[in-house]
Amino acid sequence: MVEAVELKQKLFKITKDKRFEFTMMAVIVFSALVIGIHTFEIDPVLETILNYVDNLITIIFVIEITVRIMAEKKPLDFFKDGWNIFDFVIVAVSLVPIDGNYANVARLIRIFRMLRLITLLPELKIIIGALYKSASSIGYVLILMFIIFYVFAVIGTILFESAPSGLWSDVGVALLTLFRVMTFEDWTDVMYETMEIYPISWIYYLIFIFLTTFTFLNMIIGIILDTLNEEHKALEAESKDEDRILLESVLEHNKIMESKIDSLEALIRQKLT
């Protein structure tokens, strides 16, 4: 029992070691390069070697996941973290053999192993977490944007239907035209064409741009930035919790060592008497 606790403590320290993280990052990047080399026409011998290398990388990933699971106090605690589940799924699906009829599918799956960099780089985790948590608020802003888009698309088809370019022929095409205007992709060409029909149509475009590009898009950016700040604070709190857990594990290890020393001293005194 004591040996098992000591083993878990050692594995926990290994998984939190920066050298371990950098090594896994290097393996992930190397894995992506191997998959990239497969996209070129290469010698069959080299391809066979790369297949062996890819299998070796898969074995390394399996060992890494196993070590991380064993480092937990209870193996099932590993799956309480969504990022751990993400890593486990990617490693599990990469076990599909790269040889045979499904070679292309296997390589396609393996390229997703590069996504594991997200779990190793805290800043990337913060960004993904912020996007996920702000999805609800962003969704409502996008709904409001679509309403504005639709209203302006209908107005555009009514006012500029006779435009020779056909950019306002129906609502669907008008929506695409408005998206072009919002992204400033040669939007002045669209405006000048409609100004030949209605000289004051520039007002239509300015109002639309101010509502969408300058207002709603900035609202989305603001929502993401606020969520990023919250994620940074949560990461700092999590880092403190990890330090506390590491300290507790060290104290527990010290208690075990003290009990061993006490037992040894008692045994020595017993033999001396």
C-alpha atoms as a PDB file:
ATOM      1  CA  MET A   1       0.000   0.000   0.000  1.00  0.00           C
ATOM      2  CA  VAL A   2       2.798   2.380   0.944  1.00  0.00           C
ATOM      3  CA  GLU A   3       4.698   1.497  -2.221  1.00  0.00           C
ATOM      4  CA  ALA A   4       1.596   2.199  -4.313  1.00  0.00           C
ATOM      5  CA  VAL A   5       1.217   5.653  -2.728  1.00  0.00           C
ATOM      6  CA  GLU A   6       4.873   6.432  -3.336  1.00  0.00           C
ATOM      7  CA  LEU A   7       4.555   5.291  -6.961  1.00  0.00           C
ATOM      8  CA  LYS A   8       1.539   7.556  -7.530  1.00  0.00           C
ATOM      9  CA  GLN A   9       3.442  10.481  -5.993  1.00  0.00           C
ATOM     10  CA  LYS A  10       6.404   9.880  -8.293  1.00  0.00           C
ATOM     11  CA  LEU A  11       4.153   9.603 -11.349  1.00  0.00           C
ATOM     12  CA  PHE A  12       2.304  12.774 -10.317  1.00  0.00           C
ATOM     13  CA  LYS A  13       5.594  14.682 -10.085  1.00  0.00           C
ATOM     14  CA  ILE A  14       6.625  13.352 -13.499  1.00  0.00           C
ATOM     15  CA  THR A  15       3.385  14.500 -15.151  1.00  0.00           C
ATOM     16  CA  LYS A  16       3.803  17.990 -13.663  1.00  0.00           C
ATOM     17  CA  ASP A  17       7.441  18.251 -14.677  1.00  0.00           C
ATOM     18  CA  LYS A  18       8.100  20.841 -17.396  1.00  0.00           C
ATOM     19  CA  ARG A  19      10.569  18.502 -19.094  1.00  0.00           C
ATOM     20  CA  PHE A  20       7.827  15.903 -19.430  1.00  0.00           C
ATOM     21  CA  GLU A  21       5.481  18.487 -20.987  1.00  0.00           C
ATOM     22  CA  PHE A  22       8.144  19.765 -23.408  1.00  0.00           C
ATOM     23  CA  THR A  23       8.982  16.202 -24.433  1.00  0.00           C
ATOM     24  CA  MET A  24       5.337  15.461 -25.226  1.00  0.00           C
ATOM     25  CA  MET A  25       5.043  18.733 -27.157  1.00  0.00           C
ATOM     26  CA  ALA A  26       8.057  17.731 -29.241  1.00  0.00           C
ATOM     27  CA  VAL A  27       6.543  14.290 -29.895  1.00  0.00           C
ATOM     28  CA  ILE A  28       3.231  15.861 -30.971  1.00  0.00           C
ATOM     29  CA  VAL A  29       4.958  18.264 -33.390  1.00  0.00           C
ATOM     30  CA  PHE A  30       7.135  15.451 -34.746  1.00  0.00           C
ATOM     31  CA  SER A  31       4.006  13.335 -35.224  1.00  0.00           C
ATOM     32  CA  ALA A  32       2.438  16.117 -37.319  1.00  0.00           C
ATOM     33  CA  LEU A  33       5.601  16.339 -39.441  1.00  0.00           C
ATOM     34  CA  VAL A  34       5.523  12.580 -40.065  1.00  0.00           C
ATOM     35  CA  ILE A  35       1.927  12.809 -41.274  1.00  0.00           C
ATOM     36  CA  GLY A  36       2.904  15.776 -43.477  1.00  0.00           C
ATOM     37  CA  ILE A  37       5.734  13.786 -45.098  1.00  0.00           C
ATOM     38  CA  HIS A  38       3.198  11.104 -46.045  1.00  0.00           C
ATOM     39  CA  THR A  39       1.467  13.645 -48.325  1.00  0.00           C
ATOM     40  CA  PHE A  40       4.505  13.639 -50.653  1.00  0.00           C
ATOM     41  CA  GLU A  41       5.494  10.914 -53.051  1.00  0.00           C
ATOM     42  CA  ILE A  42       8.213   9.085 -51.159  1.00  0.00           C
ATOM     43  CA  ASP A  43      10.210   5.905 -51.535  1.00  0.00           C
ATOM     44  CA  PRO A  44       8.360   2.754 -50.335  1.00  0.00           C
ATOM     45  CA  VAL A  45      11.250   1.960 -47.964  1.00  0.00           C
ATOM     46  CA  LEU A  46      11.005   5.413 -46.370  1.00  0.00           C
ATOM     47  CA  GLU A  47       7.247   5.037 -46.122  1.00  0.00           C
ATOM     48  CA  THR A  48       7.684   1.751 -44.256  1.00  0.00           C
ATOM     49  CA  ILE A  49      10.120   3.427 -41.872  1.00  0.00           C
ATOM     50  CA  LEU A  50       7.678   6.279 -41.298  1.00  0.00           C
ATOM     51  CA  ASN A  51       4.938   3.771 -40.528  1.00  0.00           C
ATOM     52  CA  TYR A  52       7.140   2.204 -37.849  1.00  0.00           C
ATOM     53  CA  VAL A  53       7.940   5.673 -36.483  1.00  0.00           C
ATOM     54  CA  ASP A  54       4.233   6.509 -36.419  1.00  0.00           C
ATOM     55  CA  ASN A  55       3.487   3.320 -34.501  1.00  0.00           C
ATOM     56  CA  LEU A  56       6.252   4.206 -32.039  1.00  0.00           C
ATOM     57  CA  ILE A  57       4.699   7.651 -31.534  1.00  0.00           C
ATOM     58  CA  THR A  58       1.344   5.997 -30.869  1.00  0.00           C
ATOM     59  CA  ILE A  59       2.958   3.764 -28.242  1.00  0.00           C
ATOM     60  CA  ILE A  60       4.508   6.839 -26.590  1.00  0.00           C
ATOM     61  CA  PHE A  61       1.089   8.506 -26.439  1.00  0.00           C
ATOM     62  CA  VAL A  62      -0.466   5.387 -24.907  1.00  0.00           C
ATOM     63  CA  ILE A  63       2.286   5.225 -22.273  1.00  0.00           C
ATOM     64  CA  GLU A  64       1.846   8.928 -21.494  1.00  0.00           C
ATOM     65  CA  ILE A  65      -1.915   8.589 -21.023  1.00  0.00           C
ATOM     66  CA  THR A  66      -1.378   5.486 -18.866  1.00  0.00           C
ATOM     67  CA  VAL A  67       1.110   7.340 -16.658  1.00  0.00           C
ATOM     68  CA  ARG A  68      -1.302  10.248 -16.230  1.00  0.00           C
ATOM     69  CA  ILE A  69      -4.142   7.902 -15.289  1.00  0.00           C
ATOM     70  CA  MET A  70      -1.959   6.015 -12.789  1.00  0.00           C
ATOM     71  CA  ALA A  71      -0.808   9.312 -11.242  1.00  0.00           C
ATOM     72  CA  GLU A  72      -4.353  10.026 -10.054  1.00  0.00           C
ATOM     73  CA  LYS A  73      -5.447   8.913  -6.586  1.00  0.00           C
ATOM     74  CA  LYS A  74      -8.265   7.036  -8.296  1.00  0.00           C
ATOM     75  CA  PRO A  75      -7.991   6.142 -12.013  1.00  0.00           C
ATOM     76  CA  LEU A  76     -11.514   7.397 -12.687  1.00  0.00           C
ATOM     77  CA  ASP A  77     -10.534  10.850 -11.375  1.00  0.00           C
ATOM     78  CA  PHE A  78      -8.612  11.289 -14.630  1.00  0.00           C
ATOM     79  CA  PHE A  79     -11.892  11.411 -16.561  1.00  0.00           C
ATOM     80  CA  LYS A  80     -13.388  14.162 -14.393  1.00  0.00           C
ATOM     81  CA  ASP A  81     -11.454  16.727 -16.431  1.00  0.00           C
ATOM     82  CA  GLY A  82     -12.847  17.415 -19.907  1.00  0.00           C
ATOM     83  CA  TRP A  83      -9.362  18.066 -21.324  1.00  0.00           C
ATOM     84  CA  ASN A  84      -8.205  14.640 -20.096  1.00  0.00           C
ATOM     85  CA  ILE A  85     -11.162  13.041 -21.880  1.00  0.00           C
ATOM     86  CA  PHE A  86     -10.193  15.024 -25.004  1.00  0.00           C
ATOM     87  CA  ASP A  87      -6.636  13.636 -24.851  1.00  0.00           C
ATOM     88  CA  PHE A  88      -7.846  10.093 -24.168  1.00  0.00           C
ATOM     89  CA  VAL A  89     -10.240  10.111 -27.145  1.00  0.00           C
ATOM     90  CA  ILE A  90      -7.572  11.418 -29.541  1.00  0.00           C
ATOM     91  CA  VAL A  91      -5.086   8.773 -28.418  1.00  0.00           C
ATOM     92  CA  ALA A  92      -7.739   6.037 -28.539  1.00  0.00           C
ATOM     93  CA  VAL A  93      -8.845   6.806 -32.112  1.00  0.00           C
ATOM     94  CA  SER A  94      -5.215   7.022 -33.256  1.00  0.00           C
ATOM     95  CA  LEU A  95      -4.874   3.309 -32.446  1.00  0.00           C
ATOM     96  CA  VAL A  96      -6.549   2.576 -35.782  1.00  0.00           C
ATOM     97  CA  PRO A  97      -3.901   0.680 -37.849  1.00  0.00           C
ATOM     98  CA  ILE A  98      -2.248   2.871 -40.473  1.00  0.00           C
ATOM     99  CA  ASP A  99      -1.775  -0.048 -42.885  1.00  0.00           C
ATOM    100  CA  GLY A 100      -4.447  -1.650 -45.030  1.00  0.00           C
ATOM    101  CA  ASN A 101      -7.573  -0.324 -46.717  1.00  0.00           C
ATOM    102  CA  TYR A 102      -8.142   2.416 -44.148  1.00  0.00           C
ATOM    103  CA  ALA A 103      -4.653   3.952 -44.304  1.00  0.00           C
ATOM    104  CA  ASN A 104      -5.898   7.366 -45.455  1.00  0.00           C
ATOM    105  CA  VAL A 105      -8.577   7.416 -42.740  1.00  0.00           C
ATOM    106  CA  ALA A 106      -5.975   6.484 -40.125  1.00  0.00           C
ATOM    107  CA  ARG A 107      -3.641   9.285 -41.257  1.00  0.00           C
ATOM    108  CA  LEU A 108      -6.549  11.729 -41.238  1.00  0.00           C
ATOM    109  CA  ILE A 109      -7.329  10.747 -37.654  1.00  0.00           C
ATOM    110  CA  ARG A 110      -3.678  10.962 -36.618  1.00  0.00           C
ATOM    111  CA  ILE A 111      -3.307  14.587 -37.734  1.00  0.00           C
ATOM    112  CA  PHE A 112      -5.791  15.484 -35.001  1.00  0.00           C
ATOM    113  CA  ARG A 113      -3.143  14.431 -32.490  1.00  0.00           C
ATOM    114  CA  MET A 114      -1.656  17.887 -32.999  1.00  0.00           C
ATOM    115  CA  LEU A 115      -4.728  19.269 -31.220  1.00  0.00           C
ATOM    116  CA  ARG A 116      -3.216  17.845 -28.041  1.00  0.00           C
ATOM    117  CA  LEU A 117      -0.959  20.896 -27.982  1.00  0.00           C
ATOM    118  CA  ILE A 118      -4.033  22.722 -26.703  1.00  0.00           C
ATOM    119  CA  THR A 119      -3.990  20.710 -23.482  1.00  0.00           C
ATOM    120  CA  LEU A 120      -0.243  21.229 -22.995  1.00  0.00           C
ATOM    121  CA  LEU A 121      -0.254  25.001 -23.532  1.00  0.00           C
ATOM    122  CA  PRO A 122      -2.310  26.786 -20.845  1.00  0.00           C
ATOM    123  CA  GLU A 123      -2.867  29.882 -22.986  1.00  0.00           C
ATOM    124  CA  LEU A 124      -4.492  27.815 -25.726  1.00  0.00           C
ATOM    125  CA  LYS A 125      -6.725  26.143 -23.142  1.00  0.00           C
ATOM    126  CA  ILE A 126      -7.758  29.588 -21.910  1.00  0.00           C
ATOM    127  CA  ILE A 127      -8.674  30.721 -25.425  1.00  0.00           C
ATOM    128  CA  ILE A 128     -10.686  27.582 -26.203  1.00  0.00           C
ATOM    129  CA  GLY A 129     -12.368  27.739 -22.805  1.00  0.00           C
ATOM    130  CA  ALA A 130     -13.245  31.396 -23.336  1.00  0.00           C
ATOM    131  CA  LEU A 131     -14.756  30.669 -26.747  1.00  0.00           C
ATOM    132  CA  TYR A 132     -16.795  27.815 -25.295  1.00  0.00           C
ATOM    133  CA  LYS A 133     -18.078  29.780 -22.319  1.00  0.00           C
ATOM    134  CA  SER A 134     -18.883  32.861 -24.396  1.00  0.00           C
ATOM    135  CA  ALA A 135     -20.688  30.830 -27.090  1.00  0.00           C
ATOM    136  CA  SER A 136     -24.092  31.465 -25.513  1.00  0.00           C
ATOM    137  CA  SER A 137     -23.712  35.258 -25.394  1.00  0.00           C
ATOM    138  CA  ILE A 138     -22.126  35.334 -28.846  1.00  0.00           C
ATOM    139  CA  GLY A 139     -25.030  33.249 -30.149  1.00  0.00           C
ATOM    140  CA  TYR A 140     -27.556  35.908 -29.100  1.00  0.00           C
ATOM    141  CA  VAL A 141     -25.463  38.620 -30.741  1.00  0.00           C
ATOM    142  CA  LEU A 142     -25.303  36.543 -33.942  1.00  0.00           C
ATOM    143  CA  ILE A 143     -29.087  36.106 -33.874  1.00  0.00           C
ATOM    144  CA  LEU A 144     -29.487  39.874 -33.630  1.00  0.00           C
ATOM    145  CA  MET A 145     -26.966  40.294 -36.461  1.00  0.00           C
ATOM    146  CA  PHE A 146     -28.939  37.877 -38.637  1.00  0.00           C
ATOM    147  CA  ILE A 147     -32.121  39.875 -38.011  1.00  0.00           C
ATOM    148  CA  ILE A 148     -30.326  43.052 -39.122  1.00  0.00           C
ATOM    149  CA  PHE A 149     -28.881  41.219 -42.132  1.00  0.00           C
ATOM    150  CA  TYR A 150     -32.285  39.894 -43.155  1.00  0.00           C
ATOM    151  CA  VAL A 151     -34.024  43.266 -42.787  1.00  0.00           C
ATOM    152  CA  PHE A 152     -31.362  45.036 -44.847  1.00  0.00           C
ATOM    153  CA  ALA A 153     -31.355  42.210 -47.423  1.00  0.00           C
ATOM    154  CA  VAL A 154     -35.100  42.600 -47.980  1.00  0.00           C
ATOM    155  CA  ILE A 155     -34.733  46.388 -48.212  1.00  0.00           C
ATOM    156  CA  GLY A 156     -31.876  45.939 -50.677  1.00  0.00           C
ATOM    157  CA  THR A 157     -33.853  43.627 -52.950  1.00  0.00           C
ATOM    158  CA  ILE A 158     -36.725  46.107 -53.000  1.00  0.00           C
ATOM    159  CA  LEU A 159     -34.578  49.188 -53.680  1.00  0.00           C
ATOM    160  CA  PHE A 160     -31.763  47.793 -55.852  1.00  0.00           C
ATOM    161  CA  GLU A 161     -33.352  44.852 -57.672  1.00  0.00           C
ATOM    162  CA  SER A 162     -32.709  46.524 -61.023  1.00  0.00           C
ATOM    163  CA  ALA A 163     -28.931  46.714 -60.444  1.00  0.00           C
ATOM    164  CA  PRO A 164     -27.218  45.250 -63.544  1.00  0.00           C
ATOM    165  CA  SER A 165     -24.766  43.125 -61.516  1.00  0.00           C
ATOM    166  CA  GLY A 166     -27.604  41.032 -60.058  1.00  0.00           C
ATOM    167  CA  LEU A 167     -26.211  41.390 -56.530  1.00  0.00           C
ATOM    168  CA  TRP A 168     -29.691  42.213 -55.210  1.00  0.00           C
ATOM    169  CA  SER A 169     -31.779  39.813 -57.315  1.00  0.00           C
ATOM    170  CA  ASP A 170     -33.191  37.913 -54.314  1.00  0.00           C
ATOM    171  CA  VAL A 171     -32.815  37.694 -50.543  1.00  0.00           C
ATOM    172  CA  GLY A 172     -30.203  34.905 -50.654  1.00  0.00           C
ATOM    173  CA  VAL A 173     -27.904  36.794 -53.011  1.00  0.00           C
ATOM    174  CA  ALA A 174     -28.526  40.017 -51.070  1.00  0.00           C
ATOM    175  CA  LEU A 175     -27.365  38.327 -47.847  1.00  0.00           C
ATOM    176  CA  LEU A 176     -24.108  37.337 -49.537  1.00  0.00           C
ATOM    177  CA  THR A 177     -23.728  40.875 -50.873  1.00  0.00           C
ATOM    178  CA  LEU A 178     -24.222  42.326 -47.398  1.00  0.00           C
ATOM    179  CA  PHE A 179     -21.619  39.915 -45.995  1.00  0.00           C
ATOM    180  CA  ARG A 180     -19.247  41.247 -48.636  1.00  0.00           C
ATOM    181  CA  VAL A 181     -20.066  44.789 -47.559  1.00  0.00           C
ATOM    182  CA  MET A 182     -19.526  43.947 -43.874  1.00  0.00           C
ATOM    183  CA  THR A 183     -16.072  42.486 -44.589  1.00  0.00           C
ATOM    184  CA  PHE A 184     -15.172  45.518 -46.781  1.00  0.00           C
ATOM    185  CA  GLU A 185     -14.477  43.293 -49.798  1.00  0.00           C
ATOM    186  CA  ASP A 186     -14.761  45.881 -52.645  1.00  0.00           C
ATOM    187  CA  TRP A 187     -17.897  47.174 -50.956  1.00  0.00           C
ATOM    188  CA  THR A 188     -17.489  50.591 -52.558  1.00  0.00           C
ATOM    189  CA  ASP A 189     -18.057  49.015 -55.996  1.00  0.00           C
ATOM    190  CA  VAL A 190     -21.410  47.715 -54.743  1.00  0.00           C
ATOM    191  CA  MET A 191     -22.308  51.113 -53.279  1.00  0.00           C
ATOM    192  CA  TYR A 192     -21.357  53.100 -56.395  1.00  0.00           C
ATOM    193  CA  GLU A 193     -23.499  50.811 -58.553  1.00  0.00           C
ATOM    194  CA  THR A 194     -26.594  51.398 -56.419  1.00  0.00           C
ATOM    195  CA  MET A 195     -25.861  55.132 -56.196  1.00  0.00           C
ATOM    196  CA  GLU A 196     -26.513  55.295 -59.928  1.00  0.00           C
ATOM    197  CA  ILE A 197     -30.090  54.205 -59.103  1.00  0.00           C
ATOM    198  CA  TYR A 198     -30.499  56.114 -55.828  1.00  0.00           C
ATOM    199  CA  PRO A 199     -27.798  58.767 -55.238  1.00  0.00           C
ATOM    200  CA  ILE A 200     -28.425  58.765 -51.477  1.00  0.00           C
ATOM    201  CA  SER A 201     -28.112  54.984 -51.131  1.00  0.00           C
ATOM    202  CA  TRP A 202     -24.754  55.531 -49.418  1.00  0.00           C
ATOM    203  CA  ILE A 203     -26.788  56.161 -46.250  1.00  0.00           C
ATOM    204  CA  TYR A 204     -28.037  52.556 -46.448  1.00  0.00           C
ATOM    205  CA  TYR A 205     -24.481  51.188 -46.470  1.00  0.00           C
ATOM    206  CA  LEU A 206     -23.147  53.441 -43.733  1.00  0.00           C
ATOM    207  CA  ILE A 207     -25.984  52.507 -41.376  1.00  0.00           C
ATOM    208  CA  PHE A 208     -25.471  48.809 -42.111  1.00  0.00           C
ATOM    209  CA  ILE A 209     -21.692  48.990 -41.583  1.00  0.00           C
ATOM    210  CA  PHE A 210     -22.031  50.896 -38.313  1.00  0.00           C
ATOM    211  CA  LEU A 211     -24.570  48.366 -37.010  1.00  0.00           C
ATOM    212  CA  THR A 212     -22.699  45.223 -38.007  1.00  0.00           C
ATOM    213  CA  THR A 213     -18.959  45.842 -38.390  1.00  0.00           C
ATOM    214  CA  PHE A 214     -18.509  48.579 -35.806  1.00  0.00           C
ATOM    215  CA  THR A 215     -21.124  47.552 -33.251  1.00  0.00           C
ATOM    216  CA  PHE A 216     -21.969  43.848 -33.255  1.00  0.00           C
ATOM    217  CA  LEU A 217     -18.486  42.577 -34.116  1.00  0.00           C
ATOM    218  CA  ASN A 218     -16.992  44.739 -31.373  1.00  0.00           C
ATOM    219  CA  MET A 219     -19.608  43.362 -28.993  1.00  0.00           C
ATOM    220  CA  ILE A 220     -18.437  39.831 -29.839  1.00  0.00           C
ATOM    221  CA  ILE A 221     -14.812  40.836 -29.247  1.00  0.00           C
ATOM    222  CA  GLY A 222     -15.765  42.428 -25.929  1.00  0.00           C
ATOM    223  CA  ILE A 223     -17.596  39.278 -24.800  1.00  0.00           C
ATOM    224  CA  ILE A 224     -14.585  37.109 -25.650  1.00  0.00           C
ATOM    225  CA  LEU A 225     -12.157  39.454 -23.867  1.00  0.00           C
ATOM    226  CA  ASP A 226     -14.284  39.484 -20.712  1.00  0.00           C
ATOM    227  CA  THR A 227     -14.437  35.704 -20.743  1.00  0.00           C
ATOM    228  CA  LEU A 228     -10.665  35.520 -21.318  1.00  0.00           C
ATOM    229  CA  ASN A 229     -10.104  37.599 -18.195  1.00  0.00           C
ATOM    230  CA  GLU A 230     -12.323  35.236 -16.219  1.00  0.00           C
ATOM    231  CA  GLU A 231     -10.439  32.233 -17.608  1.00  0.00           C
ATOM    232  CA  HIS A 232      -7.097  33.776 -16.581  1.00  0.00           C
ATOM    233  CA  LYS A 233      -8.379  34.215 -13.035  1.00  0.00           C
ATOM    234  CA  ALA A 234      -9.670  30.631 -13.001  1.00  0.00           C
ATOM    235  CA  LEU A 235      -6.275  29.369 -14.238  1.00  0.00           C
ATOM    236  CA  GLU A 236      -4.485  31.222 -11.458  1.00  0.00           C
ATOM    237  CA  ALA A 237      -6.837  29.649  -8.906  1.00  0.00           C
ATOM    238  CA  GLU A 238      -6.283  26.214 -10.473  1.00  0.00           C
ATOM    239  CA  SER A 239      -2.515  26.702 -10.334  1.00  0.00           C
ATOM    240  CA  LYS A 240      -2.774  27.468  -6.615  1.00  0.00           C
ATOM    241  CA  ASP A 241      -4.860  24.314  -6.132  1.00  0.00           C
ATOM    242  CA  GLU A 242      -2.229  22.227  -7.947  1.00  0.00           C
ATOM    243  CA  ASP A 243       0.491  23.682  -5.709  1.00  0.00           C
ATOM    244  CA  ARG A 244      -1.634  22.829  -2.681  1.00  0.00           C
ATOM    245  CA  ILE A 245      -2.143  19.253  -3.915  1.00  0.00           C
ATOM    246  CA  LEU A 246       1.594  18.875  -4.557  1.00  0.00           C
ATOM    247  CA  LEU A 247       2.354  20.206  -1.080  1.00  0.00           C
ATOM    248  CA  GLU A 248      -0.154  17.805   0.457  1.00  0.00           C
ATOM    249  CA  SER A 249       1.439  14.902  -1.419  1.00  0.00           C
ATOM    250  CA  VAL A 250       4.879  15.928  -0.119  1.00  0.00           C
ATOM    251  CA  LEU A 251       3.563  16.179   3.449  1.00  0.00           C
ATOM    252  CA  GLU A 252       1.899  12.783   3.095  1.00  0.00           C
ATOM    253  CA  HIS A 253       5.177  11.334   1.812  1.00  0.00           C
ATOM    254  CA  ASN A 254       6.981  12.862   4.809  1.00  0.00           C
ATOM    255  CA  LYS A 255       4.472  11.280   7.177  1.00  0.00           C
ATOM    256  CA  ILE A 256       5.095   7.895   5.586  1.00  0.00           C
ATOM    257  CA  MET A 257       8.842   8.365   5.941  1.00  0.00           C
ATOM    258  CA  GLU A 258       8.424   9.424   9.576  1.00  0.00           C
ATOM    259  CA  SER A 259       6.348   6.309  10.286  1.00  0.00           C
ATOM    260  CA  LYS A 260       9.060   4.162   8.690  1.00  0.00           C
ATOM    261  CA  ILE A 261      11.738   5.865  10.766  1.00  0.00           C
ATOM    262  CA  ASP A 262       9.689   5.403  13.946  1.00  0.00           C
ATOM    263  CA  SER A 263       9.206   1.730  13.139  1.00  0.00           C
ATOM    264  CA  LEU A 264      12.928   1.336  12.479  1.00  0.00           C
ATOM    265  CA  GLU A 265      13.842   3.088  15.738  1.00  0.00           C
ATOM    266  CA  ALA A 266      11.393   0.893  17.665  1.00  0.00           C
ATOM    267  CA  LEU A 267      12.928  -2.202  16.053  1.00  0.00           C
ATOM    268  CA  ILE A 268      16.464  -1.057  16.944  1.00  0.00           C
ATOM    269  CA  ARG A 269      15.486  -0.348  20.563  1.00  0.00           C
ATOM    270  CA  GLN A 270      13.811  -3.762  20.788  1.00  0.00           C
ATOM    271  CA  LYS A 271      16.969  -5.494  19.586  1.00  0.00           C
ATOM    272  CA  LEU A 272      19.171  -3.477  21.932  1.00  0.00           C
ATOM    273  CA  THR A 273      17.068  -4.403  24.942  1.00  0.00           C
END
